Protein backbone atom coordinates (compact mmCIF):
# COMPACT_ATOMS: atom_id res chain seq x y z
CA UNK A 1 0.00 0.00 0.00
CA UNK A 2 1.02 3.60 -0.68
CA UNK A 3 0.50 6.17 2.05
CA UNK A 4 -0.68 9.71 1.42
CA UNK A 5 1.41 12.33 3.28
CA UNK A 6 -1.18 15.13 3.04
CA UNK A 7 -4.85 15.45 2.09
CA UNK A 8 -3.99 17.42 -1.05
CA UNK A 9 -1.44 14.87 -2.24
CA UNK A 10 -3.77 12.04 -1.24
CA UNK A 11 -6.60 13.61 -3.23
CA UNK A 12 -4.36 13.95 -6.30
CA UNK A 13 -3.19 10.34 -6.05
CA UNK A 14 -6.71 9.09 -5.51
CA UNK A 15 -7.98 11.04 -8.51
CA UNK A 16 -5.17 9.81 -10.76
CA UNK A 17 -5.75 6.23 -9.66
CA UNK A 18 -9.49 6.51 -10.33
CA UNK A 19 -8.87 8.18 -13.70
CA UNK A 20 -6.48 5.39 -14.69
CA UNK A 21 -8.99 2.70 -13.77
CA UNK A 22 -11.76 4.57 -15.59
CA UNK A 23 -9.66 4.88 -18.76
CA UNK A 24 -8.88 1.16 -18.52
CA UNK A 25 -12.58 0.36 -18.22
CA UNK A 26 -13.47 2.61 -21.15
CA UNK A 27 -10.74 1.07 -23.29
CA UNK A 28 -11.97 -2.40 -22.38
CA UNK A 29 -15.54 -1.43 -23.28
CA UNK A 30 -14.43 0.01 -26.62
CA UNK A 31 -12.40 -3.14 -27.29
CA UNK A 32 -15.38 -5.40 -26.65
CA UNK A 33 -17.67 -3.37 -28.91
CA UNK A 34 -15.03 -3.08 -31.63
CA UNK A 35 -14.28 -6.80 -31.59
CA UNK A 36 -17.97 -7.64 -31.79
CA UNK A 37 -18.42 -5.35 -34.79
CA UNK A 38 -15.32 -6.74 -36.46
CA UNK A 39 -16.65 -10.30 -36.29
CA UNK A 40 -20.04 -9.31 -37.73
CA UNK A 41 -20.43 -10.44 -41.34
CA UNK A 42 -23.25 -8.97 -43.45
CA UNK A 43 -24.46 -11.32 -46.16
CA UNK A 44 -26.97 -10.65 -48.96
CA UNK A 45 -28.90 -13.80 -48.09
CA UNK A 46 -29.74 -15.05 -44.60
CA UNK A 47 -27.83 -17.96 -43.14
CA UNK A 48 -30.97 -19.67 -41.85
CA UNK A 49 -34.67 -19.32 -42.65
CA UNK A 50 -37.63 -20.41 -40.56
CA UNK A 51 -41.33 -20.11 -41.23
CA UNK A 52 -43.52 -18.43 -38.57
CA UNK A 53 -47.23 -17.83 -39.32
CA UNK A 54 -46.61 -17.87 -43.02
CA UNK A 55 -43.71 -15.44 -42.87
CA UNK A 56 -40.12 -16.36 -43.71
CA UNK A 57 -37.86 -15.04 -40.95
CA UNK A 58 -34.08 -14.80 -41.20
CA UNK A 59 -31.96 -16.04 -38.33
CA UNK A 60 -28.29 -15.12 -37.90
CA UNK A 61 -25.61 -17.76 -37.70
CA UNK A 62 -23.42 -17.66 -34.58
CA UNK A 63 -21.16 -20.08 -32.78
CA UNK A 64 -20.58 -20.28 -29.03
CA UNK A 65 -17.70 -17.78 -29.14
CA UNK A 66 -19.88 -15.25 -30.95
CA UNK A 67 -22.70 -15.68 -28.45
CA UNK A 68 -20.34 -15.03 -25.53
CA UNK A 69 -18.88 -12.04 -27.34
CA UNK A 70 -22.36 -10.67 -28.02
CA UNK A 71 -23.20 -11.03 -24.33
CA UNK A 72 -20.12 -9.01 -23.42
CA UNK A 73 -20.97 -6.47 -26.10
CA UNK A 74 -24.42 -6.09 -24.55
CA UNK A 75 -22.75 -5.18 -21.27
CA UNK A 76 -20.56 -2.74 -23.19
CA UNK A 77 -23.63 -1.08 -24.67
CA UNK A 78 -25.08 -0.86 -21.16
CA UNK A 79 -21.91 0.92 -20.03
CA UNK A 80 -22.17 3.44 -22.89
CA UNK A 81 -25.86 4.10 -22.23
CA UNK A 82 -25.33 4.43 -18.48
CA UNK A 83 -22.46 6.85 -19.01
CA UNK A 84 -24.44 8.94 -21.49
CA UNK A 85 -27.47 9.00 -19.20
CA UNK A 86 -25.37 9.98 -16.18
CA UNK A 87 -23.59 12.75 -18.08
CA UNK A 88 -26.86 14.14 -19.44
CA UNK A 89 -28.49 14.00 -16.01
CA UNK A 90 -25.54 15.85 -14.46
CA UNK A 91 -25.58 18.56 -17.13
CA UNK A 92 -29.33 19.10 -16.79
CA UNK A 93 -29.09 19.17 -12.99
CA UNK A 94 -26.30 21.74 -13.17
CA UNK A 95 -28.36 23.86 -15.57
CA UNK A 96 -31.40 23.71 -13.29
CA UNK A 97 -29.25 24.62 -10.30
CA UNK A 98 -27.79 27.68 -12.01
CA UNK A 99 -31.27 28.86 -12.98
CA UNK A 100 -32.74 28.23 -9.53
CA UNK A 101 -30.04 29.97 -7.48
CA UNK A 102 -31.41 33.23 -6.00
CA UNK A 103 -28.36 35.32 -6.89
CA UNK A 104 -28.36 38.79 -5.34
CA UNK A 105 -25.10 39.90 -6.96
CA UNK A 106 -21.32 39.60 -6.68
CA UNK A 107 -19.57 39.92 -3.35
CA UNK A 108 -17.70 43.22 -3.29
CA UNK A 109 -13.93 42.82 -3.29
CA UNK A 110 -14.04 39.08 -4.04
CA UNK A 111 -13.68 37.63 -7.52
CA UNK A 112 -15.79 34.63 -8.54
CA UNK A 113 -17.95 34.94 -5.40
CA UNK A 114 -21.70 35.48 -5.61
CA UNK A 115 -24.15 36.34 -2.84
CA UNK A 116 -27.42 34.44 -2.59
CA UNK A 117 -30.64 35.54 -0.95
CA UNK A 118 -31.40 33.55 2.19
CA UNK A 119 -31.12 33.81 5.94
CA UNK A 120 -29.66 30.36 6.49
CA UNK A 121 -25.82 30.39 6.54
CA UNK A 122 -24.51 28.38 3.65
CA UNK A 123 -21.54 28.41 1.27
CA UNK A 124 -20.57 26.11 -1.57
CA UNK A 125 -18.78 25.83 -4.90
CA UNK A 126 -20.80 24.92 -7.99
CA UNK A 127 -20.29 24.86 -11.74
CA UNK A 128 -18.77 22.25 -14.01
CA UNK A 129 -17.00 24.30 -16.69
CA UNK A 130 -16.99 27.67 -14.92
CA UNK A 131 -17.10 26.98 -11.18
CA UNK A 132 -17.92 29.80 -8.80
CA UNK A 133 -18.32 30.26 -5.05
CA UNK A 134 -21.74 31.05 -3.59
CA UNK A 135 -22.45 32.35 -0.10
CA UNK A 136 -25.80 33.30 1.38
CA UNK A 137 -26.63 36.67 2.89
CA UNK A 138 -27.28 34.87 6.17
CA UNK A 139 -23.70 33.62 6.22
CA UNK A 140 -22.36 37.13 5.64
CA UNK A 141 -24.39 38.41 8.58
CA UNK A 142 -23.44 35.59 10.93
CA UNK A 143 -19.72 35.12 10.17
CA UNK A 144 -16.94 37.36 11.35
CA UNK A 145 -14.28 38.66 8.99
CA UNK A 146 -11.81 35.85 9.73
CA UNK A 147 -14.52 33.21 9.60
CA UNK A 148 -15.70 34.44 6.21
CA UNK A 149 -12.11 34.51 4.96
CA UNK A 150 -11.68 30.88 6.06
CA UNK A 151 -14.89 29.81 4.34
CA UNK A 152 -13.99 31.58 1.10
CA UNK A 153 -10.46 30.12 1.12
CA UNK A 154 -11.98 26.67 1.57
CA UNK A 155 -14.38 27.09 -1.34
CA UNK A 156 -11.81 28.80 -3.57
CA UNK A 157 -9.62 25.69 -3.47
CA UNK A 158 -12.59 23.65 -4.70
CA UNK A 159 -13.06 26.19 -7.49
CA UNK A 160 -9.37 26.28 -8.45
CA UNK A 161 -9.18 22.49 -8.61
CA UNK A 162 -12.56 22.20 -10.40
CA UNK A 163 -13.76 19.75 -7.79
CA UNK A 164 -17.42 19.87 -8.93
CA UNK A 165 -16.41 18.64 -12.39
CA UNK A 166 -14.03 16.05 -10.98
CA UNK A 167 -16.58 14.64 -8.57
CA UNK A 168 -19.44 14.55 -11.09
CA UNK A 169 -17.31 12.86 -13.77
CA UNK A 170 -15.96 10.35 -11.25
CA UNK A 171 -19.47 9.48 -10.07
CA UNK A 172 -20.79 9.09 -13.62
CA UNK A 173 -17.90 6.82 -14.60
CA UNK A 174 -18.18 4.87 -11.35
CA UNK A 175 -21.85 4.12 -11.99
CA UNK A 176 -21.29 3.31 -15.67
CA UNK A 177 -18.25 1.06 -15.14
CA UNK A 178 -20.06 -1.18 -12.67
CA UNK A 179 -17.52 -3.97 -13.16
CA UNK A 180 -14.98 -1.74 -11.34
CA UNK A 181 -16.65 -1.28 -7.93
CA UNK A 182 -13.38 0.15 -6.64
CA UNK A 183 -14.15 3.35 -8.58
CA UNK A 184 -17.08 4.24 -6.36
CA UNK A 185 -14.96 3.80 -3.24
CA UNK A 186 -12.22 5.99 -4.71
CA UNK A 187 -14.78 8.69 -5.52
CA UNK A 188 -16.01 8.74 -1.93
CA UNK A 189 -12.44 8.89 -0.67
CA UNK A 190 -11.60 11.72 -3.06
CA UNK A 191 -14.57 13.74 -1.79
CA UNK A 192 -13.32 13.35 1.78
CA UNK A 193 -9.71 14.23 0.95
CA UNK A 194 -10.81 17.21 -1.14
CA UNK A 195 -12.66 18.60 1.89
CA UNK A 196 -9.63 18.08 4.13
CA UNK A 197 -7.36 19.76 1.57
CA UNK A 198 -9.75 22.72 1.38
CA UNK A 199 -9.71 22.96 5.17
CA UNK A 200 -5.90 23.07 5.07
CA UNK A 201 -6.10 25.90 2.55
CA UNK A 202 -8.46 27.80 4.85
CA UNK A 203 -6.12 27.37 7.82
CA UNK A 204 -3.10 28.42 5.75
CA UNK A 205 -4.94 31.56 4.60
CA UNK A 206 -5.19 32.62 8.25
CA UNK A 207 -1.54 31.82 9.08
CA UNK A 208 -2.32 28.55 10.79
CA UNK A 209 -5.22 29.77 12.93
CA UNK A 210 -7.77 26.95 13.12
CA UNK A 211 -10.25 28.71 15.38
CA UNK A 212 -11.88 30.78 12.62
CA UNK A 213 -12.55 27.72 10.48
CA UNK A 214 -13.82 25.77 13.49
CA UNK A 215 -16.23 28.58 14.38
CA UNK A 216 -17.44 28.78 10.78
CA UNK A 217 -18.05 25.03 10.76
CA UNK A 218 -20.14 25.38 13.90
CA UNK A 219 -22.12 28.16 12.22
CA UNK A 220 -22.91 25.71 9.42
CA UNK A 221 -23.58 22.83 11.84
CA UNK A 222 -27.15 22.40 10.56
CA UNK A 223 -25.65 21.09 7.32
CA UNK A 224 -23.71 18.40 9.18
CA UNK A 225 -19.97 18.15 9.79
CA UNK A 226 -18.09 15.09 8.59
CA UNK A 227 -16.20 13.34 11.41
CA UNK A 228 -13.05 13.26 9.25
CA UNK A 229 -13.03 17.06 9.10
CA UNK A 230 -13.37 17.35 12.87
CA UNK A 231 -10.54 14.87 13.42
CA UNK A 232 -8.32 16.59 10.86
CA UNK A 233 -8.93 20.02 12.37
CA UNK A 234 -7.98 18.52 15.74
CA UNK A 235 -4.76 17.11 14.30
CA UNK A 236 -5.97 13.49 14.37
CA UNK A 237 -6.12 12.81 10.63
CA UNK A 238 -5.72 9.07 10.01
CA UNK A 239 -3.08 7.95 7.54
CA UNK A 240 -5.17 6.62 4.67
CA UNK A 241 -3.42 4.37 2.15
CA UNK A 242 -4.22 3.81 -1.50
CA UNK A 243 -5.64 0.31 -2.19
CA UNK A 244 -2.78 -0.88 -4.36
CA UNK A 245 -3.69 -4.57 -3.90
CA UNK A 246 -7.30 -4.02 -4.97
CA UNK A 247 -6.13 -1.89 -7.88
CA UNK A 248 -3.75 -4.60 -9.04
CA UNK A 249 -6.54 -7.17 -8.75
CA UNK A 250 -8.85 -4.96 -10.81
CA UNK A 251 -6.22 -4.48 -13.51
CA UNK A 252 -5.53 -8.22 -13.54
CA UNK A 253 -9.23 -8.92 -14.04
CA UNK A 254 -9.40 -6.34 -16.83
CA UNK A 255 -6.36 -7.88 -18.53
CA UNK A 256 -7.88 -11.35 -18.29
CA UNK A 257 -11.12 -10.10 -19.79
CA UNK A 258 -9.24 -8.33 -22.59
CA UNK A 259 -7.40 -11.58 -23.37
CA UNK A 260 -10.69 -13.47 -23.39
CA UNK A 261 -12.24 -10.95 -25.80
CA UNK A 262 -9.22 -11.22 -28.09
CA UNK A 263 -9.46 -15.00 -28.16
CA UNK A 264 -13.22 -14.88 -28.76
CA UNK A 265 -12.72 -12.46 -31.64
CA UNK A 266 -10.31 -14.85 -33.35
CA UNK A 267 -12.82 -17.71 -33.47
CA UNK A 268 -16.24 -16.03 -33.36
CA UNK A 269 -18.53 -16.48 -36.36
CA UNK A 270 -21.47 -14.12 -36.63
CA UNK A 271 -23.35 -13.87 -39.92
CA UNK A 272 -26.58 -12.00 -40.55
CA UNK A 273 -28.45 -10.07 -43.21
CA UNK A 274 -29.90 -6.57 -43.19
CA UNK A 275 -33.02 -7.74 -45.02
CA UNK A 276 -36.10 -7.50 -42.82
CA UNK A 277 -38.41 -10.37 -43.83
CA UNK A 278 -41.78 -8.75 -43.17
CA UNK A 279 -40.77 -5.35 -44.49
CA UNK A 280 -39.09 -6.71 -47.63
CA UNK A 281 -41.91 -9.13 -48.43
CA UNK A 282 -44.85 -6.77 -47.96
CA UNK A 283 -43.54 -3.19 -47.88
CA UNK A 284 -46.80 -1.60 -49.00
CA UNK A 285 -48.81 -3.26 -46.22
CA UNK A 286 -46.29 -2.19 -43.60
CA UNK A 287 -46.17 1.40 -44.83
CA UNK A 288 -49.98 1.64 -44.93
CA UNK A 289 -50.12 0.32 -41.36
CA UNK A 290 -47.59 2.90 -40.19
CA UNK A 291 -49.38 5.91 -41.74
CA UNK A 292 -52.26 6.11 -39.19
CA UNK A 293 -49.86 5.44 -36.34
CA UNK A 294 -47.60 8.25 -37.49
CA UNK A 295 -50.58 10.58 -37.91
CA UNK A 296 -51.82 9.80 -34.41
CA UNK A 297 -48.38 10.38 -32.89
CA UNK A 298 -48.03 13.68 -34.77
CA UNK A 299 -51.45 14.83 -33.55
CA UNK A 300 -50.66 13.96 -29.94
CA UNK A 301 -47.36 15.82 -30.15
CA UNK A 302 -49.04 18.89 -31.66
CA UNK A 303 -51.76 19.04 -29.00
CA UNK A 304 -49.29 18.70 -26.12
CA UNK A 305 -47.10 21.57 -27.31
CA UNK A 306 -47.40 24.62 -24.99
């Protein structure tokens, strides 16, 4: 195991380790999908024909290797869809958040800091591509000058390191690459270390005075204080170590799966045709059946428009 000497260095190492595992998972997914497509052979005539209710249906020809490869490719498609869905959900959530924030205006004398309406003391960093720091009017009224400086220094480190983007991307990849459960644990650990590193930045901004940050944390106590932050502020930060053994095991499993996919691709036989039996045999009937359905769908869409 590899120890982390400081929260900031530990956060960087954790993020790099998670990014490496995520890139490995994405490369493995792309390899599975590419191998499956490479083994697919399109023929003008179907390999097998069967009769069902008077219709001649075409069946593809596939051996055991191709079936296993197609099963893995199905998981690969699930990874792509889960990643796309997670990314879209995160972007839409970020857009809704920006629109819903009750921004009163910029904080005088502080760049990239915006004041929000609200009596409850709260401060956070938000924004994927252009992160900014937000603090409520209640926090400005309740915090002293040093306490506010500590809070802003804490959030500014999150903004400088683009922690919102890092955390969102890590969570999306962790959910999509479900065959690497270690990613989700690394994301949680990165979130903790990022908070501890931001606390260190706040303490350093006040020349080592921890009391201002501690008082600010108590002012925000309704939001909950992580035990790790309390321990770290008290000088009791545990020495967390990177899970090198679990990482090596994950990489070994990924390598074994990549070797399996390569071997399957060498012997897989998958033949099919693009001809659709029902559509090619009776195109007029199919088109006539689709016309009323299309008209109904168009009418429903038109009536539901605002």
